[in-house]
């Protein structure tokens, strides 16, 4: 049995949903495809697929084997690509996942410049605010803005710290007065990231150390750009990253309040599987990101 060919055939059956569809994709007969999967099952001593006359479905063992097999083949492809790329102009695909606001405000324009520099590298950028499994979802690099994480499965390459501040509009302060104590957040209107019925507890660090305060949430959203706009409109006090509120803080449309209290620091990080280090196009992107965002601090990223 050609184990590599059988793995590729099994993955094709799972992704195409049937032996017939997989056979058409790889240009073999249905019986050849079936024999390759049966050989794998016999070798492993487990059933990988449930078969009916109309379709196939993956068993729990088959699903686990599919995920590992796909990762192994991806690593093999990366290793082969790295050897080829070391001898020629970098080519190939880079699939990138990133948070929505940072992606639209900063990463998107940066990747346009990257694509101009390396026109033979195809860039695919997917933006969402959900934490995903980069390996299972097939991403080469995941851009995250979060607290530092530790995982043995991924390399966490920190680029730069990302500051957050408590801020409000001058109109809000004129109407409500500037908060003089952290306890004022329990009564003054606040804008928070999350769910309105559950309220929001902001964790801050002040002169006496860490403190948590239950804020008076009057408006919430799962997008910080919306919260920024609501703060500019005078709806309340918001806890915002400076990479989102930097321009408004510079122009005075927002001002920092409660200077002695700071939200926990976040980090702009790149997460990628150890095998991706072998790829020259991944190394190029990591170096580009470090040069673009990790050099001289800018107002919209850190203060």
Protein backbone atom coordinates (compact mmCIF):
# COMPACT_ATOMS: atom_id res chain seq x y z
CA UNK A 1 0.00 0.00 0.00
CA UNK A 2 1.24 3.48 -0.91
CA UNK A 3 0.45 5.15 2.43
CA UNK A 4 0.90 8.69 1.12
CA UNK A 5 -1.41 8.10 -1.86
CA UNK A 6 -3.97 6.42 0.40
CA UNK A 7 -3.91 9.37 2.80
CA UNK A 8 -4.49 11.78 -0.06
CA UNK A 9 -7.34 9.63 -1.37
CA UNK A 10 -8.99 9.37 2.06
CA UNK A 11 -8.82 13.15 2.54
CA UNK A 12 -10.36 13.65 -0.90
CA UNK A 13 -13.28 11.31 -0.06
CA UNK A 14 -13.97 13.16 3.20
CA UNK A 15 -13.87 16.58 1.56
CA UNK A 16 -15.83 15.60 -1.56
CA UNK A 17 -18.42 13.61 0.40
CA UNK A 18 -18.46 10.45 -1.70
CA UNK A 19 -16.24 7.89 -3.40
CA UNK A 20 -17.63 8.80 -6.82
CA UNK A 21 -16.91 12.52 -6.38
CA UNK A 22 -13.42 11.81 -5.09
CA UNK A 23 -12.76 9.49 -8.01
CA UNK A 24 -13.72 12.23 -10.46
CA UNK A 25 -11.49 14.75 -8.69
CA UNK A 26 -8.35 12.62 -8.68
CA UNK A 27 -9.00 10.83 -12.01
CA UNK A 28 -9.33 7.28 -10.71
CA UNK A 29 -12.11 4.71 -10.75
CA UNK A 30 -14.50 4.44 -7.82
CA UNK A 31 -13.22 0.95 -7.04
CA UNK A 32 -9.62 2.22 -6.86
CA UNK A 33 -10.65 4.93 -4.41
CA UNK A 34 -12.60 2.43 -2.31
CA UNK A 35 -9.67 -0.02 -2.22
CA UNK A 36 -7.30 2.73 -1.02
CA UNK A 37 -9.58 3.62 1.90
CA UNK A 38 -10.23 -0.03 2.77
CA UNK A 39 -6.46 -0.62 2.84
CA UNK A 40 -6.08 2.24 5.30
CA UNK A 41 -8.87 0.86 7.50
CA UNK A 42 -7.33 -2.63 7.45
CA UNK A 43 -3.93 -1.21 8.32
CA UNK A 44 -5.31 0.84 11.22
CA UNK A 45 -7.84 -1.75 12.40
CA UNK A 46 -10.65 0.85 12.62
CA UNK A 47 -13.53 1.98 10.44
CA UNK A 48 -12.89 5.45 9.06
CA UNK A 49 -16.08 5.90 6.99
CA UNK A 50 -19.70 4.84 7.25
CA UNK A 51 -20.92 3.79 3.83
CA UNK A 52 -24.42 3.79 2.35
CA UNK A 53 -25.56 3.37 -1.24
CA UNK A 54 -25.90 7.14 -1.61
CA UNK A 55 -23.19 8.77 0.51
CA UNK A 56 -20.44 8.32 3.05
CA UNK A 57 -20.04 9.89 6.49
CA UNK A 58 -16.99 10.11 8.71
CA UNK A 59 -16.76 8.08 11.91
CA UNK A 60 -15.33 9.72 15.06
CA UNK A 61 -12.08 7.82 14.47
CA UNK A 62 -12.15 8.87 10.84
CA UNK A 63 -12.61 12.52 11.75
CA UNK A 64 -9.64 12.44 14.14
CA UNK A 65 -7.53 10.66 11.52
CA UNK A 66 -8.63 13.13 8.84
CA UNK A 67 -7.50 16.14 10.93
CA UNK A 68 -4.09 14.60 11.66
CA UNK A 69 -3.59 13.35 8.10
CA UNK A 70 -4.46 16.74 6.64
CA UNK A 71 -1.99 18.45 8.99
CA UNK A 72 0.73 15.94 8.09
CA UNK A 73 0.24 16.49 4.36
CA UNK A 74 0.20 20.26 4.88
CA UNK A 75 3.51 20.02 6.76
CA UNK A 76 4.98 17.88 3.99
CA UNK A 77 3.86 20.42 1.40
CA UNK A 78 5.39 23.24 3.44
CA UNK A 79 8.69 21.36 3.69
CA UNK A 80 8.76 20.77 -0.06
CA UNK A 81 7.82 24.38 -0.76
CA UNK A 82 10.53 25.68 1.54
CA UNK A 83 13.19 23.79 -0.41
CA UNK A 84 11.88 25.06 -3.72
CA UNK A 85 11.47 28.63 -2.45
CA UNK A 86 15.04 28.74 -1.14
CA UNK A 87 16.18 28.45 -4.77
CA UNK A 88 13.74 30.82 -6.44
CA UNK A 89 11.47 33.83 -6.02
CA UNK A 90 8.93 33.13 -3.25
CA UNK A 91 5.58 31.97 -4.62
CA UNK A 92 2.48 30.24 -3.34
CA UNK A 93 -0.44 31.04 -1.07
CA UNK A 94 -0.64 32.58 2.41
CA UNK A 95 -3.95 32.22 4.25
CA UNK A 96 -4.26 34.79 7.05
CA UNK A 97 -6.91 35.16 9.74
CA UNK A 98 -7.23 38.43 11.68
CA UNK A 99 -9.66 40.41 13.85
CA UNK A 100 -12.11 42.61 11.97
CA UNK A 101 -11.24 46.12 13.22
CA UNK A 102 -7.47 45.74 13.09
CA UNK A 103 -7.82 44.06 9.71
CA UNK A 104 -9.80 46.87 8.12
CA UNK A 105 -7.94 49.76 9.76
CA UNK A 106 -4.34 48.57 9.61
CA UNK A 107 -3.65 45.04 8.36
CA UNK A 108 -5.54 45.34 5.07
CA UNK A 109 -3.51 48.36 3.85
CA UNK A 110 -0.31 46.67 5.04
CA UNK A 111 -1.05 43.48 3.10
CA UNK A 112 -1.75 45.51 -0.03
CA UNK A 113 1.81 46.83 0.25
CA UNK A 114 3.10 43.30 0.91
CA UNK A 115 1.34 42.03 -2.21
CA UNK A 116 2.94 44.80 -4.27
CA UNK A 117 6.37 43.84 -2.98
CA UNK A 118 5.86 40.12 -3.65
CA UNK A 119 3.45 39.78 -6.61
CA UNK A 120 4.08 36.03 -6.95
CA UNK A 121 2.68 35.36 -3.46
CA UNK A 122 -1.10 35.01 -3.34
CA UNK A 123 -2.63 36.46 -0.15
CA UNK A 124 -5.97 35.35 1.29
CA UNK A 125 -7.20 37.41 4.27
CA UNK A 126 -10.21 36.29 6.35
CA UNK A 127 -11.48 38.76 8.96
CA UNK A 128 -13.57 37.79 11.99
CA UNK A 129 -13.52 38.31 15.73
CA UNK A 130 -13.81 34.66 16.75
CA UNK A 131 -10.85 32.73 18.13
CA UNK A 132 -10.21 29.91 15.69
CA UNK A 133 -7.89 26.92 15.57
CA UNK A 134 -5.36 27.98 12.90
CA UNK A 135 -4.30 24.41 12.14
CA UNK A 136 -7.78 22.88 11.94
CA UNK A 137 -9.10 25.78 9.86
CA UNK A 138 -6.15 25.71 7.49
CA UNK A 139 -4.63 29.14 8.15
CA UNK A 140 -0.90 29.74 7.74
CA UNK A 141 -0.85 32.74 10.10
CA UNK A 142 -3.36 34.03 12.62
CA UNK A 143 -3.08 37.66 13.72
CA UNK A 144 -4.32 38.16 17.26
CA UNK A 145 -4.67 41.11 19.61
CA UNK A 146 -4.98 39.54 23.02
CA UNK A 147 -3.22 38.69 26.23
CA UNK A 148 -0.08 36.51 25.82
CA UNK A 149 -0.88 32.85 25.34
CA UNK A 150 1.11 29.66 25.68
CA UNK A 151 0.53 26.74 23.35
CA UNK A 152 2.89 23.96 22.38
CA UNK A 153 1.13 23.54 19.03
CA UNK A 154 1.74 27.10 17.81
CA UNK A 155 4.50 29.67 17.76
CA UNK A 156 3.34 32.95 19.35
CA UNK A 157 5.42 35.73 17.80
CA UNK A 158 4.76 38.98 19.67
CA UNK A 159 5.12 42.11 17.53
CA UNK A 160 4.18 45.04 19.80
CA UNK A 161 2.10 45.86 22.89
CA UNK A 162 -1.30 47.41 22.20
CA UNK A 163 -2.52 49.98 24.72
CA UNK A 164 -6.14 50.57 25.77
CA UNK A 165 -7.54 53.66 27.49
CA UNK A 166 -10.73 54.84 29.16
CA UNK A 167 -12.08 57.74 27.12
CA UNK A 168 -15.11 59.90 26.47
CA UNK A 169 -16.08 62.89 24.34
CA UNK A 170 -15.66 66.49 25.57
CA UNK A 171 -19.45 66.88 25.24
CA UNK A 172 -20.01 63.93 27.57
CA UNK A 173 -17.64 65.38 30.15
CA UNK A 174 -19.30 68.79 29.88
CA UNK A 175 -22.70 67.19 30.51
CA UNK A 176 -21.82 64.63 33.19
CA UNK A 177 -18.58 65.95 34.63
CA UNK A 178 -15.23 64.19 34.49
CA UNK A 179 -15.11 61.05 36.63
CA UNK A 180 -12.84 61.56 39.61
CA UNK A 181 -12.98 58.06 41.07
CA UNK A 182 -13.11 54.55 39.64
CA UNK A 183 -16.41 54.00 41.48
CA UNK A 184 -18.03 56.62 39.22
CA UNK A 185 -18.09 54.01 36.44
CA UNK A 186 -20.88 52.23 38.35
CA UNK A 187 -23.23 55.21 37.83
CA UNK A 188 -21.99 57.09 34.74
CA UNK A 189 -23.13 55.77 31.33
CA UNK A 190 -20.56 53.31 29.94
CA UNK A 191 -20.14 51.61 26.58
CA UNK A 192 -18.92 48.05 26.67
CA UNK A 193 -17.97 45.13 24.49
CA UNK A 194 -20.35 42.27 25.12
CA UNK A 195 -23.90 41.46 26.11
CA UNK A 196 -26.18 44.13 27.61
CA UNK A 197 -28.27 41.96 30.00
CA UNK A 198 -25.17 40.46 31.63
CA UNK A 199 -23.57 43.86 32.25
CA UNK A 200 -19.83 44.29 32.17
CA UNK A 201 -17.02 44.16 34.69
CA UNK A 202 -13.95 46.14 33.69
CA UNK A 203 -10.63 44.91 35.04
CA UNK A 204 -8.19 47.77 35.56
CA UNK A 205 -4.89 48.43 37.28
CA UNK A 206 -4.69 51.53 39.46
CA UNK A 207 -2.41 53.05 42.10
CA UNK A 208 -3.34 50.30 44.58
CA UNK A 209 -3.11 47.44 42.11
CA UNK A 210 -5.71 45.47 40.12
CA UNK A 211 -9.39 46.32 40.59
CA UNK A 212 -12.62 45.17 38.97
CA UNK A 213 -15.65 47.45 38.71
CA UNK A 214 -19.15 46.66 37.49
CA UNK A 215 -19.88 49.47 35.05
CA UNK A 216 -23.21 51.06 34.19
CA UNK A 217 -23.59 49.65 30.69
CA UNK A 218 -26.03 51.64 28.56
CA UNK A 219 -24.80 50.59 25.10
CA UNK A 220 -22.88 47.53 23.99
CA UNK A 221 -21.56 46.08 20.76
CA UNK A 222 -19.17 43.33 19.68
CA UNK A 223 -17.28 45.81 17.47
CA UNK A 224 -14.94 48.40 18.95
CA UNK A 225 -15.30 50.81 16.01
CA UNK A 226 -19.01 51.10 16.79
CA UNK A 227 -18.17 51.74 20.46
CA UNK A 228 -15.69 54.42 19.39
CA UNK A 229 -18.33 56.16 17.31
CA UNK A 230 -20.80 55.92 20.19
CA UNK A 231 -18.24 57.49 22.52
CA UNK A 232 -17.60 60.32 20.04
CA UNK A 233 -21.37 60.88 19.94
CA UNK A 234 -21.34 61.41 23.71
CA UNK A 235 -23.19 58.25 24.76
CA UNK A 236 -20.74 57.26 27.47
CA UNK A 237 -17.28 56.24 28.63
CA UNK A 238 -15.58 53.53 26.58
CA UNK A 239 -12.57 51.26 27.04
CA UNK A 240 -10.88 51.35 23.63
CA UNK A 241 -7.60 50.26 22.03
CA UNK A 242 -5.58 53.23 20.82
CA UNK A 243 -5.19 51.58 17.41
CA UNK A 244 -8.93 52.16 16.99
CA UNK A 245 -9.39 55.47 18.84
CA UNK A 246 -5.99 57.01 18.06
CA UNK A 247 -7.17 59.55 15.50
CA UNK A 248 -10.03 60.71 17.74
CA UNK A 249 -7.69 61.05 20.73
CA UNK A 250 -5.24 63.05 18.60
CA UNK A 251 -7.86 65.48 17.36
CA UNK A 252 -9.59 65.86 20.73
CA UNK A 253 -12.88 64.26 19.67
CA UNK A 254 -12.14 61.83 22.52
CA UNK A 255 -10.17 62.51 25.70
CA UNK A 256 -8.67 60.11 28.20
CA UNK A 257 -10.34 59.88 31.62
CA UNK A 258 -9.26 58.25 34.89
CA UNK A 259 -5.59 58.46 33.88
CA UNK A 260 -4.46 56.47 36.92
CA UNK A 261 -6.35 53.37 35.84
CA UNK A 262 -5.29 51.26 32.87
CA UNK A 263 -6.90 48.20 31.25
CA UNK A 264 -4.65 45.14 30.89
CA UNK A 265 -2.15 45.46 28.06
CA UNK A 266 -2.76 43.49 24.89
CA UNK A 267 -0.23 42.32 22.32
CA UNK A 268 -0.26 42.21 18.55
CA UNK A 269 0.93 38.65 17.87
CA UNK A 270 1.34 36.26 14.97
CA UNK A 271 0.43 32.63 15.60
CA UNK A 272 1.56 29.89 13.23
CA UNK A 273 2.47 26.19 13.35
CA UNK A 274 6.19 25.42 13.83
CA UNK A 275 6.31 23.81 10.38
CA UNK A 276 5.40 27.12 8.73
CA UNK A 277 8.77 28.54 9.80
CA UNK A 278 10.27 26.50 6.98
CA UNK A 279 8.44 28.51 4.33
CA UNK A 280 10.29 31.50 2.95
CA UNK A 281 7.02 33.28 2.12
CA UNK A 282 5.92 32.96 5.76
CA UNK A 283 9.28 34.30 6.95
CA UNK A 284 8.90 37.21 4.54
CA UNK A 285 5.46 38.05 5.93
CA UNK A 286 6.61 37.79 9.57
CA UNK A 287 9.56 40.11 8.86
CA UNK A 288 7.29 42.50 6.97
CA UNK A 289 4.79 42.63 9.85
CA UNK A 290 7.57 43.27 12.34
CA UNK A 291 8.98 46.10 10.23
CA UNK A 292 5.53 47.59 9.60
CA UNK A 293 4.11 47.45 13.12
CA UNK A 294 6.97 46.71 15.49
CA UNK A 295 9.28 49.63 14.77
CA UNK A 296 8.92 53.20 16.00
CA UNK A 297 5.67 53.38 18.02
CA UNK A 298 2.81 55.23 16.34
CA UNK A 299 -0.09 56.94 18.04
CA UNK A 300 -2.72 54.68 16.50
CA UNK A 301 -0.99 51.57 17.86
CA UNK A 302 0.57 52.61 21.18
CA UNK A 303 0.79 55.76 23.23
